[in-house]
Amino acid sequence: MKFHISSSDLLSVLSTAAKVINPKCTVPILDHFLFDVNEQTLKITASDLETTMKFDVPIHDVDGTGRFVIPSKITLDVLKECPNMPLEFNVNEETWEVLIRWATGHSSIPGQSAVSYPEQIPLNEEHTEVTLDVDTLIDGINKTIFATSDEELRPIMRGIYFDLKDTELVCVATDAHKLVKYTSKMEEPQNASFILSKKPAALLKNMLLHEEGQIKMAFDQKNALFTTETSTLVCRLIEGMYPNYNMVIPQSNPNRVLVDRQMLLNSVRRMAVCVNVSTQLVRLEFADNSINIMADDDDFQLSAKETVSCSYEGVPVIMGFKANLLVEILVNLDTPTISIDLADSARPGVFKPVSEDEAQQNVLMLLMPMMLNN
């Protein structure tokens, strides 16, 4: 079996696919890439049993077809040292030795038969399908993934909740301290939902960065399948009932702030230097078109205060937030001006981007307050 391929094309795909592989996996063959050689295409598969990624890479001068596996780490190490150049793969189908040739040299890598490589589990016949723009899905993951939880005791919060309601796609993530809700339009009406784990969500985002156009999303109660023209990701879903996210979003917030996002972010970062390490508490006083930001740490006799100008409508309100979480919220809002809607010191603050572009006004971020000792 023999074929030719571009080293840069192959390296780009394998670098993305390698992120699926779990170094602690107890199935040795899953430390390998599966190569499936067809007449014009090399189909590459990487898996950790729960998540599987597949890519199609063009090849030429093909002599023979078949399947084999090749060690992931050594293959990547070889390709990283090969600049953009044509490569020839020559596979001995008796010993499974893989000989990689380039203009000035070659490398021999021990491969294996692909007979024992696990097959992908198909979706149930009764599954939901929807087609989305690639950019919409990337944006939904980008805006929400940082808010997912890392707590093993709350598995349903360790992923992004996809809620399809009529012609709207809603992506939600929360760790009980912060919540992000992203909303986008769909052409096809659907009513279904699923929870996508953080790891496959990040892998899907990386996969889609090389794609354009549309992606087909199909899912049943246990698995989801994402398909583009040249790549596929199938993964196991988190099973369980996601909490009612709309219940925690305040519907009446009489106090509203308009502020320069970068100015506020820089100020909070400066105040964060002086917060108490255990509480991370930063205090914000909203009144008279200004925000007084304060932090202190009595243990080390540290304190700091800064004032940021803003446009404020409402009565004076004092809020306490964790500095590190507030920084996360401000970093992930990407418009120059943001709004902060407040009710009182005991209810969460609602952060939104402010832009004339309607596409950028589909994000809501909520941050739970901390109790203040007056």
Protein backbone atom coordinates (compact mmCIF):
# COMPACT_ATOMS: atom_id res chain seq x y z
CA MET A 1 0.00 0.00 0.00
CA LYS A 2 1.46 3.32 -1.07
CA PHE A 3 0.29 6.95 -1.31
CA HIS A 4 1.60 10.53 -1.42
CA ILE A 5 0.43 13.38 0.83
CA SER A 6 1.37 16.94 1.84
CA SER A 7 3.20 16.99 5.18
CA SER A 8 1.58 20.28 6.23
CA ASP A 9 -1.95 19.04 5.46
CA LEU A 10 -1.33 15.84 7.40
CA LEU A 11 0.30 17.59 10.37
CA SER A 12 -2.58 20.07 10.65
CA VAL A 13 -5.16 17.29 10.86
CA LEU A 14 -3.15 15.03 13.16
CA SER A 15 -2.42 17.89 15.59
CA THR A 16 -6.16 18.43 15.98
CA ALA A 17 -7.01 14.72 16.13
CA ALA A 18 -4.32 14.03 18.75
CA LYS A 19 -6.22 16.12 21.30
CA VAL A 20 -8.82 13.34 21.46
CA ILE A 21 -6.33 10.70 22.56
CA ASN A 22 -6.25 10.04 26.29
CA PRO A 23 -2.70 9.14 27.45
CA LYS A 24 -4.19 7.24 30.41
CA CYS A 25 -6.45 5.09 28.26
CA THR A 26 -6.19 1.38 29.12
CA VAL A 27 -6.78 0.28 25.49
CA PRO A 28 -3.31 0.35 23.86
CA ILE A 29 -4.54 0.61 20.27
CA LEU A 30 -6.22 3.95 21.10
CA ASP A 31 -2.73 5.48 21.39
CA HIS A 32 -2.70 5.20 17.59
CA PHE A 33 -4.27 6.98 14.64
CA LEU A 34 -6.38 4.85 12.33
CA PHE A 35 -5.48 5.43 8.66
CA ASP A 36 -8.04 4.27 6.08
CA VAL A 37 -6.61 4.62 2.56
CA ASN A 38 -9.06 5.02 -0.33
CA GLU A 39 -8.39 5.88 -3.96
CA GLN A 40 -8.31 9.66 -3.42
CA THR A 41 -8.74 10.21 0.29
CA LEU A 42 -7.01 9.27 3.53
CA LYS A 43 -9.58 8.96 6.33
CA ILE A 44 -7.95 9.56 9.73
CA THR A 45 -9.60 8.53 13.02
CA ALA A 46 -8.65 9.24 16.64
CA SER A 47 -10.69 8.08 19.63
CA ASP A 48 -10.77 7.67 23.41
CA LEU A 49 -13.92 5.46 23.25
CA GLU A 50 -16.18 8.29 24.45
CA THR A 51 -15.20 10.76 21.71
CA THR A 52 -14.15 9.99 18.14
CA MET A 53 -12.90 12.41 15.49
CA LYS A 54 -12.57 11.65 11.77
CA PHE A 55 -10.94 13.70 9.02
CA ASP A 56 -10.64 13.36 5.24
CA VAL A 57 -7.28 14.39 3.74
CA PRO A 58 -6.61 14.35 -0.02
CA ILE A 59 -3.89 11.98 -1.27
CA HIS A 60 -2.54 11.12 -4.72
CA ASP A 61 -0.51 8.45 -6.56
CA VAL A 62 -2.34 5.79 -4.56
CA ASP A 63 -1.24 2.18 -5.04
CA GLY A 64 -3.52 -0.13 -3.07
CA THR A 65 -6.13 0.57 -0.40
CA GLY A 66 -6.63 -0.64 3.14
CA ARG A 67 -6.57 0.21 6.85
CA PHE A 68 -3.78 0.31 9.43
CA VAL A 69 -2.94 2.07 12.70
CA ILE A 70 0.15 4.12 13.41
CA PRO A 71 1.50 5.39 16.79
CA SER A 72 0.27 8.95 17.40
CA LYS A 73 3.21 10.46 19.31
CA ILE A 74 6.09 9.29 17.11
CA THR A 75 4.14 10.10 13.94
CA LEU A 76 3.53 13.66 15.11
CA ASP A 77 7.15 14.04 16.22
CA VAL A 78 8.36 13.00 12.75
CA LEU A 79 5.95 15.30 10.94
CA LYS A 80 6.80 18.31 13.13
CA GLU A 81 10.39 18.09 11.88
CA CYS A 82 9.30 17.94 8.23
CA PRO A 83 8.57 21.36 6.73
CA ASN A 84 6.00 21.72 3.97
CA MET A 85 7.02 18.96 1.58
CA PRO A 86 5.48 15.98 -0.20
CA LEU A 87 5.67 12.67 1.65
CA GLU A 88 5.38 9.11 0.45
CA PHE A 89 3.84 6.50 2.76
CA ASN A 90 4.71 2.91 1.99
CA VAL A 91 2.98 0.30 4.18
CA ASN A 92 4.09 -3.33 4.36
CA GLU A 93 0.82 -5.21 4.83
CA GLU A 94 2.59 -8.27 6.25
CA THR A 95 4.72 -6.60 8.96
CA TRP A 96 2.74 -3.29 9.10
CA GLU A 97 5.97 -1.31 8.94
CA VAL A 98 5.21 2.23 7.76
CA LEU A 99 8.01 3.80 5.72
CA ILE A 100 7.73 7.58 5.35
CA ARG A 101 9.92 9.01 2.58
CA TRP A 102 10.74 12.63 1.71
CA ALA A 103 13.14 14.14 -0.81
CA THR A 104 16.27 13.74 1.30
CA GLY A 105 15.51 10.89 3.69
CA HIS A 106 13.06 8.51 5.29
CA SER A 107 11.73 7.24 8.63
CA SER A 108 10.43 3.80 9.56
CA ILE A 109 7.56 3.54 12.09
CA PRO A 110 6.04 0.30 13.43
CA GLY A 111 2.33 0.16 12.58
CA GLN A 112 -0.33 -2.44 13.34
CA SER A 113 -3.33 -4.08 11.78
CA ALA A 114 -6.55 -2.12 12.24
CA VAL A 115 -8.66 -5.21 12.92
CA SER A 116 -9.07 -4.53 16.66
CA TYR A 117 -9.67 -0.77 16.35
CA PRO A 118 -13.12 -0.05 17.90
CA GLU A 119 -15.95 0.82 15.53
CA GLN A 120 -18.10 3.92 15.91
CA ILE A 121 -21.47 3.32 17.58
CA PRO A 122 -24.29 4.55 15.29
CA LEU A 123 -27.11 6.77 16.52
CA ASN A 124 -30.54 5.34 17.15
CA GLU A 125 -33.00 5.46 14.26
CA GLU A 126 -35.08 7.89 16.30
CA HIS A 127 -32.73 10.86 16.55
CA THR A 128 -32.91 14.59 16.03
CA GLU A 129 -31.11 16.37 13.18
CA VAL A 130 -30.49 20.07 12.59
CA THR A 131 -28.21 22.05 10.28
CA LEU A 132 -26.32 25.10 11.57
CA ASP A 133 -23.77 27.57 10.28
CA VAL A 134 -20.27 26.62 11.42
CA ASP A 135 -19.68 30.14 12.74
CA THR A 136 -22.83 29.96 14.88
CA LEU A 137 -21.70 26.76 16.57
CA ILE A 138 -18.16 28.08 17.13
CA ASP A 139 -19.56 31.28 18.63
CA GLY A 140 -21.94 29.38 20.91
CA ILE A 141 -19.12 27.20 22.27
CA ASN A 142 -16.67 30.10 22.60
CA LYS A 143 -19.14 32.21 24.57
CA THR A 144 -20.16 29.50 27.02
CA ILE A 145 -17.41 26.92 27.57
CA PHE A 146 -15.53 29.01 30.17
CA ALA A 147 -18.58 28.93 32.45
CA THR A 148 -18.79 25.13 32.68
CA SER A 149 -18.09 23.51 36.03
CA ASP A 150 -15.13 21.29 36.96
CA GLU A 151 -16.90 19.63 39.91
CA GLU A 152 -17.18 15.87 39.49
CA LEU A 153 -20.14 15.75 41.87
CA ARG A 154 -22.18 17.83 39.42
CA PRO A 155 -21.70 16.07 36.08
CA ILE A 156 -24.56 17.85 34.31
CA MET A 157 -22.79 21.17 34.88
CA ARG A 158 -19.55 19.87 33.35
CA GLY A 159 -20.82 20.63 29.86
CA ILE A 160 -22.74 22.99 27.60
CA TYR A 161 -26.52 22.62 27.49
CA PHE A 162 -27.94 22.87 23.95
CA ASP A 163 -31.61 23.80 24.13
CA LEU A 164 -33.42 23.80 20.76
CA LYS A 165 -36.70 25.66 21.06
CA ASP A 166 -38.70 26.23 17.86
CA THR A 167 -36.36 28.33 15.68
CA GLU A 168 -33.89 29.25 18.45
CA LEU A 169 -30.69 27.54 19.54
CA VAL A 170 -29.84 28.35 23.16
CA CYS A 171 -26.45 27.35 24.58
CA VAL A 172 -26.10 27.55 28.36
CA ALA A 173 -23.25 26.86 30.77
CA THR A 174 -23.04 27.40 34.51
CA ASP A 175 -20.94 26.41 37.52
CA ALA A 176 -23.50 27.79 40.03
CA HIS A 177 -21.42 30.98 40.48
CA LYS A 178 -21.69 32.30 36.94
CA LEU A 179 -24.04 31.53 34.06
CA VAL A 180 -23.81 32.28 30.35
CA LYS A 181 -26.72 32.10 27.92
CA TYR A 182 -26.12 32.36 24.18
CA THR A 183 -29.04 32.58 21.74
CA SER A 184 -29.03 32.19 17.96
CA LYS A 185 -31.64 31.67 15.22
CA MET A 186 -32.17 28.38 13.39
CA GLU A 187 -33.84 27.89 10.03
CA GLU A 188 -35.40 24.54 10.95
CA PRO A 189 -37.80 24.47 13.94
CA GLN A 190 -36.91 21.82 16.52
CA ASN A 191 -37.71 21.06 20.13
CA ALA A 192 -35.03 18.96 21.78
CA SER A 193 -32.01 19.29 24.07
CA PHE A 194 -28.73 17.65 25.09
CA ILE A 195 -25.66 18.29 27.26
CA LEU A 196 -22.28 18.28 25.49
CA SER A 197 -19.26 17.56 27.72
CA LYS A 198 -16.51 20.16 27.96
CA LYS A 199 -13.80 18.03 26.29
CA PRO A 200 -15.73 17.21 23.09
CA ALA A 201 -17.02 20.79 23.00
CA ALA A 202 -13.44 22.09 22.94
CA LEU A 203 -12.47 19.45 20.35
CA LEU A 204 -15.45 20.38 18.20
CA LYS A 205 -14.48 24.05 18.30
CA ASN A 206 -10.91 23.23 17.22
CA MET A 207 -12.21 20.98 14.44
CA LEU A 208 -14.53 23.68 13.11
CA LEU A 209 -11.81 26.34 12.96
CA HIS A 210 -10.69 24.64 9.72
CA GLU A 211 -14.22 24.45 8.30
CA GLU A 212 -16.62 26.78 6.50
CA GLY A 213 -20.26 26.65 5.52
CA GLN A 214 -22.65 24.44 7.47
CA ILE A 215 -22.49 21.59 9.95
CA LYS A 216 -25.03 18.84 10.46
CA MET A 217 -25.80 18.12 14.11
CA ALA A 218 -27.56 14.86 14.99
CA PHE A 219 -28.18 13.39 18.45
CA ASP A 220 -30.15 10.83 20.39
CA GLN A 221 -30.41 10.30 24.16
CA LYS A 222 -26.80 9.11 24.56
CA ASN A 223 -24.64 10.32 21.66
CA ALA A 224 -24.19 13.28 19.34
CA LEU A 225 -22.77 13.37 15.81
CA PHE A 226 -21.36 16.51 14.17
CA THR A 227 -20.61 16.27 10.46
CA THR A 228 -19.05 18.64 7.91
CA GLU A 229 -17.79 17.95 4.38
CA THR A 230 -14.34 16.86 5.58
CA SER A 231 -14.63 16.02 9.29
CA THR A 232 -16.79 14.22 11.84
CA LEU A 233 -17.01 14.19 15.62
CA VAL A 234 -19.12 11.69 17.55
CA CYS A 235 -19.27 11.76 21.33
CA ARG A 236 -21.12 10.49 24.35
CA LEU A 237 -23.48 12.99 25.95
CA ILE A 238 -23.96 13.79 29.63
CA GLU A 239 -27.21 12.21 30.78
CA GLY A 240 -29.45 14.00 33.25
CA MET A 241 -31.87 16.89 33.70
CA TYR A 242 -30.30 20.33 33.30
CA PRO A 243 -31.50 22.94 35.83
CA ASN A 244 -34.05 25.54 34.75
CA TYR A 245 -31.59 28.30 33.83
CA ASN A 246 -34.29 30.92 33.20
CA MET A 247 -35.36 30.72 36.85
CA VAL A 248 -32.09 32.24 38.08
CA ILE A 249 -32.02 35.14 35.59
CA PRO A 250 -33.60 38.21 37.24
CA GLN A 251 -36.41 39.60 35.13
CA SER A 252 -36.66 42.98 36.86
CA ASN A 253 -33.44 44.99 37.19
CA PRO A 254 -34.27 48.69 37.76
CA ASN A 255 -30.62 49.80 37.97
CA ARG A 256 -28.55 49.90 34.78
CA VAL A 257 -24.88 50.64 34.14
CA LEU A 258 -23.21 51.42 30.82
CA VAL A 259 -19.43 51.23 31.10
CA ASP A 260 -16.30 50.84 29.02
CA ARG A 261 -15.47 47.14 29.28
CA GLN A 262 -11.69 47.43 29.01
CA MET A 263 -11.52 50.26 31.53
CA LEU A 264 -13.53 48.26 34.07
CA LEU A 265 -11.53 45.09 33.37
CA ASN A 266 -8.20 46.85 33.92
CA SER A 267 -9.44 48.39 37.13
CA VAL A 268 -10.73 45.07 38.55
CA ARG A 269 -7.42 43.43 37.69
CA ARG A 270 -5.55 46.12 39.62
CA MET A 271 -7.86 45.71 42.60
CA ALA A 272 -7.48 41.91 42.45
CA VAL A 273 -3.86 42.28 43.55
CA CYS A 274 -5.08 43.32 47.00
CA VAL A 275 -8.02 40.97 47.54
CA ASN A 276 -8.09 38.36 50.27
CA VAL A 277 -6.77 35.14 48.71
CA SER A 278 -9.45 32.94 50.27
CA THR A 279 -12.50 35.10 49.49
CA GLN A 280 -11.36 36.96 46.33
CA LEU A 281 -13.91 39.61 47.33
CA VAL A 282 -13.98 42.88 45.42
CA ARG A 283 -16.55 45.53 46.37
CA LEU A 284 -18.29 47.69 43.75
CA GLU A 285 -20.33 50.78 44.66
CA PHE A 286 -22.59 52.05 41.85
CA ALA A 287 -23.83 55.66 42.14
CA ASP A 288 -23.63 59.11 40.52
CA ASN A 289 -22.29 57.91 37.14
CA SER A 290 -19.30 56.22 38.73
CA ILE A 291 -18.20 52.84 40.07
CA ASN A 292 -16.03 52.80 43.18
CA ILE A 293 -14.06 49.54 43.19
CA MET A 294 -12.43 48.46 46.46
CA ALA A 295 -10.44 45.51 47.72
CA ASP A 296 -8.63 44.74 50.96
CA ASP A 297 -6.84 41.97 52.77
CA ASP A 298 -6.65 42.55 56.52
CA ASP A 299 -4.27 39.62 56.98
CA PHE A 300 -1.54 41.40 55.01
CA GLN A 301 -2.76 44.97 55.60
CA LEU A 302 -3.44 45.48 51.90
CA SER A 303 -6.09 47.77 50.44
CA ALA A 304 -6.86 49.45 47.13
CA LYS A 305 -9.54 51.70 45.67
CA GLU A 306 -10.23 53.03 42.19
CA THR A 307 -13.06 54.95 40.54
CA VAL A 308 -14.33 54.24 37.02
CA SER A 309 -16.71 56.62 35.26
CA CYS A 310 -19.90 55.18 33.77
CA SER A 311 -23.46 56.01 32.84
CA TYR A 312 -25.72 54.94 35.70
CA GLU A 313 -29.49 54.96 36.01
CA GLY A 314 -30.93 53.91 39.33
CA VAL A 315 -30.50 54.11 43.08
CA PRO A 316 -27.09 53.52 44.73
CA VAL A 317 -26.22 49.82 44.91
CA ILE A 318 -23.27 48.08 46.56
CA MET A 319 -22.26 44.68 45.15
CA GLY A 320 -19.65 42.13 46.15
CA PHE A 321 -18.18 39.79 43.52
CA LYS A 322 -15.33 37.31 43.34
CA ALA A 323 -12.58 39.20 41.50
CA ASN A 324 -11.42 36.23 39.44
CA LEU A 325 -14.97 35.44 38.27
CA LEU A 326 -15.68 39.07 37.43
CA VAL A 327 -12.49 39.17 35.34
CA GLU A 328 -13.63 36.03 33.48
CA ILE A 329 -16.97 37.63 32.65
CA LEU A 330 -15.38 40.87 31.42
CA VAL A 331 -12.75 39.04 29.33
CA ASN A 332 -15.40 36.98 27.54
CA LEU A 333 -17.59 39.95 26.64
CA ASP A 334 -16.16 41.26 23.40
CA THR A 335 -17.74 44.69 22.81
CA PRO A 336 -16.15 48.01 23.83
CA THR A 337 -19.20 48.96 25.92
CA ILE A 338 -21.18 46.64 28.18
CA SER A 339 -24.30 46.97 30.30
CA ILE A 340 -24.71 45.70 33.85
CA ASP A 341 -28.27 45.29 35.13
CA LEU A 342 -28.70 45.25 38.90
CA ALA A 343 -31.57 44.77 41.33
CA ASP A 344 -29.94 44.80 44.77
CA SER A 345 -26.87 43.48 46.57
CA ALA A 346 -28.40 40.03 47.12
CA ARG A 347 -29.39 39.27 43.54
CA PRO A 348 -27.04 38.50 40.61
CA GLY A 349 -25.66 41.05 38.21
CA VAL A 350 -26.57 40.60 34.55
CA PHE A 351 -23.82 41.50 32.06
CA LYS A 352 -24.54 42.08 28.36
CA PRO A 353 -22.62 43.39 25.35
CA VAL A 354 -23.78 46.71 23.90
CA SER A 355 -23.49 46.93 20.13
CA GLU A 356 -25.42 48.10 17.08
CA ASP A 357 -24.73 44.67 15.58
CA GLU A 358 -27.68 42.49 16.59
CA ALA A 359 -25.53 39.36 16.21
CA GLN A 360 -23.42 40.51 19.16
CA GLN A 361 -26.42 41.12 21.42
CA ASN A 362 -27.30 37.45 21.80
CA VAL A 363 -25.23 36.85 24.94
CA LEU A 364 -26.22 37.20 28.59
CA MET A 365 -23.77 36.57 31.43
CA LEU A 366 -24.85 36.33 35.03
CA LEU A 367 -22.62 36.55 38.11
CA MET A 368 -23.78 35.64 41.60
CA PRO A 369 -22.92 38.20 44.33
CA MET A 370 -20.99 37.62 47.53
CA MET A 371 -22.29 38.57 50.95
CA LEU A 372 -20.88 41.86 52.22
CA ASN A 373 -20.06 42.65 55.83
CA ASN A 374 -21.28 46.20 56.25
